[in-house]
Amino acid sequence: MMEPPDNGREDIARRLGAAMTVSEARAWFVAEVLPLESVLMQYIQRNWRNQSEIADIRQEVYVRVYEAAQREIPEHAKPFVLTTARNILINRVRREHVVPIEAVADLESLGAAADEPPPDRAVMAREELRRLQLALDHLPPRAREAVVMKQIDGLSRRDIAARMGVGEETVKRHLTNGMRALADFLYGEPTDLRKKP
């Protein structure tokens, strides 16, 4: 007499290699993905400028992760979710830089107007410059000086060290601290950057 197959092994094999049922994918999503929402939101906020699109991006990540889980549940949820988010952000950046062929054909008829940015882009650019200036103004003086010489004037660390009268390691520390503080100010919670941690 033959014994029935071991359902435990079949279940494991099915989960690892075959399509999941909707309820299995949903249970995995609720247990493994939803608890990562704060990590996902921090990642998106740090890597995407347009704050009004963050909720849409999060939803797009959730949809792609859930659809993938219906095909096969990933072994590790967190890296899978963050990689999915990164890929979505990359695709969005690529789409923003694509110009339709019809628009290129019409550029010659526009003449000089094509060289000027649209008014909304000009306003956004001015706002970004204002925020950058505000962030620079909140940096400690030596860090601000080093960042300006490096990022705006294009000087090397050696040249900055000579102008500031300090060693290259000190310049490196000023640049690192200044750039981190700028990133936190621009893409994180605004804080007074002159305070030492």
C-alpha atoms as a PDB file:
ATOM      1  CA  MET A   1       0.000   0.000   0.000  1.00  0.00           C
ATOM      2  CA  MET A   2       1.376   3.460  -0.931  1.00  0.00           C
ATOM      3  CA  GLU A   3       1.464   6.296   1.586  1.00  0.00           C
ATOM      4  CA  PRO A   4      -0.038   9.661   0.662  1.00  0.00           C
ATOM      5  CA  PRO A   5       2.524  12.388  -0.155  1.00  0.00           C
ATOM      6  CA  ASP A   6       3.752  14.567   2.680  1.00  0.00           C
ATOM      7  CA  ASN A   7       1.592  17.705   2.439  1.00  0.00           C
ATOM      8  CA  GLY A   8       4.032  19.685   4.576  1.00  0.00           C
ATOM      9  CA  ARG A   9       6.799  19.362   1.976  1.00  0.00           C
ATOM     10  CA  GLU A  10       4.432  20.094  -0.869  1.00  0.00           C
ATOM     11  CA  ASP A  11       3.197  23.211   0.914  1.00  0.00           C
ATOM     12  CA  ILE A  12       6.736  24.525   1.415  1.00  0.00           C
ATOM     13  CA  ALA A  13       7.707  23.765  -2.180  1.00  0.00           C
ATOM     14  CA  ARG A  14       4.568  25.470  -3.441  1.00  0.00           C
ATOM     15  CA  ARG A  15       5.191  28.572  -1.320  1.00  0.00           C
ATOM     16  CA  LEU A  16       8.773  28.937  -2.492  1.00  0.00           C
ATOM     17  CA  GLY A  17       8.345  28.223  -6.164  1.00  0.00           C
ATOM     18  CA  ALA A  18       4.760  28.587  -7.278  1.00  0.00           C
ATOM     19  CA  ALA A  19       2.128  31.268  -7.384  1.00  0.00           C
ATOM     20  CA  MET A  20       0.545  32.212  -4.078  1.00  0.00           C
ATOM     21  CA  THR A  21      -3.130  32.415  -3.370  1.00  0.00           C
ATOM     22  CA  VAL A  22      -4.579  35.848  -2.824  1.00  0.00           C
ATOM     23  CA  SER A  23      -5.055  35.182   0.891  1.00  0.00           C
ATOM     24  CA  GLU A  24      -1.449  33.968   1.315  1.00  0.00           C
ATOM     25  CA  ALA A  25      -0.078  37.012  -0.492  1.00  0.00           C
ATOM     26  CA  ARG A  26      -2.345  39.287   1.543  1.00  0.00           C
ATOM     27  CA  ALA A  27      -1.267  37.689   4.834  1.00  0.00           C
ATOM     28  CA  TRP A  28       2.418  38.024   3.892  1.00  0.00           C
ATOM     29  CA  PHE A  29       1.891  41.644   2.815  1.00  0.00           C
ATOM     30  CA  VAL A  30       0.155  42.589   6.081  1.00  0.00           C
ATOM     31  CA  ALA A  31       2.695  40.779   8.262  1.00  0.00           C
ATOM     32  CA  GLU A  32       5.914  41.676   6.431  1.00  0.00           C
ATOM     33  CA  VAL A  33       5.425  44.782   4.258  1.00  0.00           C
ATOM     34  CA  LEU A  34       3.043  47.093   6.117  1.00  0.00           C
ATOM     35  CA  PRO A  35       5.295  47.238   9.226  1.00  0.00           C
ATOM     36  CA  LEU A  36       8.006  48.673   6.935  1.00  0.00           C
ATOM     37  CA  GLU A  37       5.915  51.737   6.047  1.00  0.00           C
ATOM     38  CA  SER A  38       7.963  54.203   8.134  1.00  0.00           C
ATOM     39  CA  VAL A  39      11.230  52.931   6.614  1.00  0.00           C
ATOM     40  CA  LEU A  40       9.728  53.126   3.139  1.00  0.00           C
ATOM     41  CA  MET A  41       8.411  56.654   3.687  1.00  0.00           C
ATOM     42  CA  GLN A  42      11.781  57.864   4.991  1.00  0.00           C
ATOM     43  CA  TYR A  43      13.493  56.362   1.956  1.00  0.00           C
ATOM     44  CA  ILE A  44      11.079  57.982  -0.491  1.00  0.00           C
ATOM     45  CA  GLN A  45      11.188  61.364   1.263  1.00  0.00           C
ATOM     46  CA  ARG A  46      14.982  61.421   1.177  1.00  0.00           C
ATOM     47  CA  ASN A  47      15.123  60.507  -2.490  1.00  0.00           C
ATOM     48  CA  TRP A  48      12.184  62.390  -4.031  1.00  0.00           C
ATOM     49  CA  ARG A  49      11.797  66.169  -4.105  1.00  0.00           C
ATOM     50  CA  ASN A  50       8.113  66.540  -4.918  1.00  0.00           C
ATOM     51  CA  GLN A  51       6.426  65.934  -1.569  1.00  0.00           C
ATOM     52  CA  SER A  52       2.968  65.866  -3.163  1.00  0.00           C
ATOM     53  CA  GLU A  53       3.876  62.661  -5.038  1.00  0.00           C
ATOM     54  CA  ILE A  54       5.192  60.672  -2.057  1.00  0.00           C
ATOM     55  CA  ALA A  55       1.873  59.017  -1.179  1.00  0.00           C
ATOM     56  CA  ASP A  56       1.397  58.008  -4.828  1.00  0.00           C
ATOM     57  CA  ILE A  57       4.884  56.518  -4.947  1.00  0.00           C
ATOM     58  CA  ARG A  58       4.229  54.566  -1.743  1.00  0.00           C
ATOM     59  CA  GLN A  59       1.037  53.147  -3.234  1.00  0.00           C
ATOM     60  CA  GLU A  60       2.840  52.209  -6.445  1.00  0.00           C
ATOM     61  CA  VAL A  61       5.480  50.387  -4.375  1.00  0.00           C
ATOM     62  CA  TYR A  62       2.752  48.531  -2.477  1.00  0.00           C
ATOM     63  CA  VAL A  63       1.006  47.492  -5.696  1.00  0.00           C
ATOM     64  CA  ARG A  64       4.203  46.169  -7.284  1.00  0.00           C
ATOM     65  CA  VAL A  65       5.286  44.339  -4.137  1.00  0.00           C
ATOM     66  CA  TYR A  66       1.847  42.766  -3.714  1.00  0.00           C
ATOM     67  CA  GLU A  67       1.678  41.706  -7.366  1.00  0.00           C
ATOM     68  CA  ALA A  68       5.159  40.173  -7.093  1.00  0.00           C
ATOM     69  CA  ALA A  69       4.125  38.328  -3.919  1.00  0.00           C
ATOM     70  CA  GLN A  70       1.236  36.753  -5.774  1.00  0.00           C
ATOM     71  CA  ARG A  71       3.766  35.205  -8.151  1.00  0.00           C
ATOM     72  CA  GLU A  72       6.377  34.356  -5.510  1.00  0.00           C
ATOM     73  CA  ILE A  73       6.902  35.612  -1.973  1.00  0.00           C
ATOM     74  CA  PRO A  74      10.358  37.185  -1.599  1.00  0.00           C
ATOM     75  CA  GLU A  75      12.665  35.653   0.974  1.00  0.00           C
ATOM     76  CA  HIS A  76      13.482  39.023   2.611  1.00  0.00           C
ATOM     77  CA  ALA A  77      10.785  41.693   2.588  1.00  0.00           C
ATOM     78  CA  LYS A  78      12.743  44.843   3.514  1.00  0.00           C
ATOM     79  CA  PRO A  79      15.391  44.721   0.766  1.00  0.00           C
ATOM     80  CA  PHE A  80      12.720  43.749  -1.748  1.00  0.00           C
ATOM     81  CA  VAL A  81      10.480  46.702  -0.792  1.00  0.00           C
ATOM     82  CA  LEU A  82      13.350  49.217  -0.850  1.00  0.00           C
ATOM     83  CA  THR A  83      14.683  47.898  -4.159  1.00  0.00           C
ATOM     84  CA  THR A  84      11.204  48.175  -5.634  1.00  0.00           C
ATOM     85  CA  ALA A  85      10.963  51.769  -4.369  1.00  0.00           C
ATOM     86  CA  ARG A  86      14.378  52.605  -5.837  1.00  0.00           C
ATOM     87  CA  ASN A  87      13.393  51.192  -9.223  1.00  0.00           C
ATOM     88  CA  ILE A  88      10.143  53.157  -9.237  1.00  0.00           C
ATOM     89  CA  LEU A  89      12.012  56.383  -8.428  1.00  0.00           C
ATOM     90  CA  ILE A  90      14.533  55.700 -11.199  1.00  0.00           C
ATOM     91  CA  ASN A  91      11.716  55.092 -13.687  1.00  0.00           C
ATOM     92  CA  ARG A  92       9.985  58.312 -12.660  1.00  0.00           C
ATOM     93  CA  VAL A  93      13.185  60.310 -13.152  1.00  0.00           C
ATOM     94  CA  ARG A  94      13.645  58.768 -16.585  1.00  0.00           C
ATOM     95  CA  ARG A  95      10.049  59.589 -17.565  1.00  0.00           C
ATOM     96  CA  GLU A  96      10.488  63.210 -16.500  1.00  0.00           C
ATOM     97  CA  HIS A  97      13.477  63.578 -18.801  1.00  0.00           C
ATOM     98  CA  VAL A  98      11.852  62.021 -21.867  1.00  0.00           C
ATOM     99  CA  VAL A  99      10.654  64.526 -24.447  1.00  0.00           C
ATOM    100  CA  PRO A 100       7.992  63.369 -26.931  1.00  0.00           C
ATOM    101  CA  ILE A 101       9.060  63.474 -30.589  1.00  0.00           C
ATOM    102  CA  GLU A 102       6.104  65.732 -31.399  1.00  0.00           C
ATOM    103  CA  ALA A 103       7.438  68.338 -28.962  1.00  0.00           C
ATOM    104  CA  VAL A 104      10.882  68.248 -30.596  1.00  0.00           C
ATOM    105  CA  ALA A 105       9.347  68.847 -34.032  1.00  0.00           C
ATOM    106  CA  ASP A 106       7.497  71.919 -32.740  1.00  0.00           C
ATOM    107  CA  LEU A 107      10.523  73.494 -31.012  1.00  0.00           C
ATOM    108  CA  GLU A 108      11.787  75.154 -34.189  1.00  0.00           C
ATOM    109  CA  SER A 109       8.489  76.973 -34.651  1.00  0.00           C
ATOM    110  CA  LEU A 110       8.657  78.263 -31.068  1.00  0.00           C
ATOM    111  CA  GLY A 111      11.895  80.188 -31.619  1.00  0.00           C
ATOM    112  CA  ALA A 112      13.403  81.884 -28.589  1.00  0.00           C
ATOM    113  CA  ALA A 113      10.542  80.900 -26.287  1.00  0.00           C
ATOM    114  CA  ALA A 114      11.905  77.354 -26.228  1.00  0.00           C
ATOM    115  CA  ASP A 115      15.045  78.554 -24.431  1.00  0.00           C
ATOM    116  CA  GLU A 116      13.116  79.999 -21.493  1.00  0.00           C
ATOM    117  CA  PRO A 117      11.865  77.677 -18.780  1.00  0.00           C
ATOM    118  CA  PRO A 118       8.118  77.649 -18.234  1.00  0.00           C
ATOM    119  CA  PRO A 119       6.954  79.965 -15.447  1.00  0.00           C
ATOM    120  CA  ASP A 120       6.202  77.142 -13.023  1.00  0.00           C
ATOM    121  CA  ARG A 121       9.726  75.712 -13.462  1.00  0.00           C
ATOM    122  CA  ALA A 122      11.238  79.143 -12.878  1.00  0.00           C
ATOM    123  CA  VAL A 123       9.230  79.518  -9.674  1.00  0.00           C
ATOM    124  CA  MET A 124      10.276  76.050  -8.514  1.00  0.00           C
ATOM    125  CA  ALA A 125      13.929  76.804  -9.299  1.00  0.00           C
ATOM    126  CA  ARG A 126      13.787  80.075  -7.352  1.00  0.00           C
ATOM    127  CA  GLU A 127      12.172  78.252  -4.412  1.00  0.00           C
ATOM    128  CA  GLU A 128      14.897  75.585  -4.461  1.00  0.00           C
ATOM    129  CA  LEU A 129      17.599  78.264  -4.534  1.00  0.00           C
ATOM    130  CA  ARG A 130      15.914  80.077  -1.649  1.00  0.00           C
ATOM    131  CA  ARG A 131      15.813  76.854   0.389  1.00  0.00           C
ATOM    132  CA  LEU A 132      19.465  76.138  -0.426  1.00  0.00           C
ATOM    133  CA  GLN A 133      20.500  79.644   0.639  1.00  0.00           C
ATOM    134  CA  LEU A 134      18.522  79.272   3.862  1.00  0.00           C
ATOM    135  CA  ALA A 135      20.204  75.930   4.542  1.00  0.00           C
ATOM    136  CA  LEU A 136      23.642  77.403   3.816  1.00  0.00           C
ATOM    137  CA  ASP A 137      22.892  80.310   6.163  1.00  0.00           C
ATOM    138  CA  HIS A 138      22.190  77.836   8.978  1.00  0.00           C
ATOM    139  CA  LEU A 139      25.497  75.969   8.603  1.00  0.00           C
ATOM    140  CA  PRO A 140      28.333  76.651  11.026  1.00  0.00           C
ATOM    141  CA  PRO A 141      30.625  79.295   9.443  1.00  0.00           C
ATOM    142  CA  ARG A 142      33.624  77.006   8.769  1.00  0.00           C
ATOM    143  CA  ALA A 143      31.457  74.235   7.304  1.00  0.00           C
ATOM    144  CA  ARG A 144      29.621  76.770   5.114  1.00  0.00           C
ATOM    145  CA  GLU A 145      32.941  78.203   3.911  1.00  0.00           C
ATOM    146  CA  ALA A 146      34.276  74.737   3.008  1.00  0.00           C
ATOM    147  CA  VAL A 147      31.044  73.671   1.261  1.00  0.00           C
ATOM    148  CA  VAL A 148      30.865  76.877  -0.795  1.00  0.00           C
ATOM    149  CA  MET A 149      34.497  76.575  -1.874  1.00  0.00           C
ATOM    150  CA  LYS A 150      34.049  72.913  -2.829  1.00  0.00           C
ATOM    151  CA  GLN A 151      30.573  72.865  -4.384  1.00  0.00           C
ATOM    152  CA  ILE A 152      30.312  76.370  -5.855  1.00  0.00           C
ATOM    153  CA  ASP A 153      33.900  77.422  -6.510  1.00  0.00           C
ATOM    154  CA  GLY A 154      34.986  73.887  -7.456  1.00  0.00           C
ATOM    155  CA  LEU A 155      38.177  73.914  -5.393  1.00  0.00           C
ATOM    156  CA  SER A 156      40.006  70.765  -4.310  1.00  0.00           C
ATOM    157  CA  ARG A 157      40.336  69.830  -0.645  1.00  0.00           C
ATOM    158  CA  ARG A 158      44.023  70.782  -0.792  1.00  0.00           C
ATOM    159  CA  ASP A 159      43.193  74.285  -2.099  1.00  0.00           C
ATOM    160  CA  ILE A 160      40.425  74.704   0.473  1.00  0.00           C
ATOM    161  CA  ALA A 161      42.799  73.651   3.265  1.00  0.00           C
ATOM    162  CA  ALA A 162      45.377  76.203   2.088  1.00  0.00           C
ATOM    163  CA  ARG A 163      42.794  79.023   1.946  1.00  0.00           C
ATOM    164  CA  MET A 164      41.269  78.141   5.328  1.00  0.00           C
ATOM    165  CA  GLY A 165      44.657  77.535   6.979  1.00  0.00           C
ATOM    166  CA  VAL A 166      43.709  74.046   8.208  1.00  0.00           C
ATOM    167  CA  GLY A 167      44.631  70.465   7.340  1.00  0.00           C
ATOM    168  CA  GLU A 168      42.944  68.419   4.613  1.00  0.00           C
ATOM    169  CA  GLU A 169      41.380  66.090   7.197  1.00  0.00           C
ATOM    170  CA  THR A 170      39.747  69.095   8.864  1.00  0.00           C
ATOM    171  CA  VAL A 171      38.412  70.219   5.496  1.00  0.00           C
ATOM    172  CA  LYS A 172      37.106  66.705   4.867  1.00  0.00           C
ATOM    173  CA  ARG A 173      35.303  66.777   8.237  1.00  0.00           C
ATOM    174  CA  HIS A 174      33.825  70.238   7.511  1.00  0.00           C
ATOM    175  CA  LEU A 175      32.628  69.064   4.082  1.00  0.00           C
ATOM    176  CA  THR A 176      31.135  65.843   5.423  1.00  0.00           C
ATOM    177  CA  ASN A 177      29.348  67.553   8.287  1.00  0.00           C
ATOM    178  CA  GLY A 178      28.207  70.420   6.058  1.00  0.00           C
ATOM    179  CA  MET A 179      26.822  68.201   3.302  1.00  0.00           C
ATOM    180  CA  ARG A 180      25.027  65.954   5.795  1.00  0.00           C
ATOM    181  CA  ALA A 181      23.516  68.966   7.505  1.00  0.00           C
ATOM    182  CA  LEU A 182      22.416  70.401   4.155  1.00  0.00           C
ATOM    183  CA  ALA A 183      20.827  67.108   3.133  1.00  0.00           C
ATOM    184  CA  ASP A 184      19.033  66.813   6.472  1.00  0.00           C
ATOM    185  CA  PHE A 185      17.824  70.389   6.224  1.00  0.00           C
ATOM    186  CA  LEU A 186      16.676  70.116   2.612  1.00  0.00           C
ATOM    187  CA  TYR A 187      15.220  66.593   2.649  1.00  0.00           C
ATOM    188  CA  GLY A 188      14.583  65.881   6.314  1.00  0.00           C
ATOM    189  CA  GLU A 189      13.317  67.747   9.319  1.00  0.00           C
ATOM    190  CA  PRO A 190      14.471  71.395   9.381  1.00  0.00           C
ATOM    191  CA  THR A 191      16.748  72.037  12.324  1.00  0.00           C
ATOM    192  CA  ASP A 192      19.207  74.706  13.359  1.00  0.00           C
ATOM    193  CA  LEU A 193      22.419  73.455  11.779  1.00  0.00           C
ATOM    194  CA  ARG A 194      24.676  75.645  13.920  1.00  0.00           C
ATOM    195  CA  LYS A 195      24.033  73.526  16.999  1.00  0.00           C
ATOM    196  CA  LYS A 196      26.582  70.799  17.547  1.00  0.00           C
ATOM    197  CA  PRO A 197      25.168  67.282  17.995  1.00  0.00           C
END
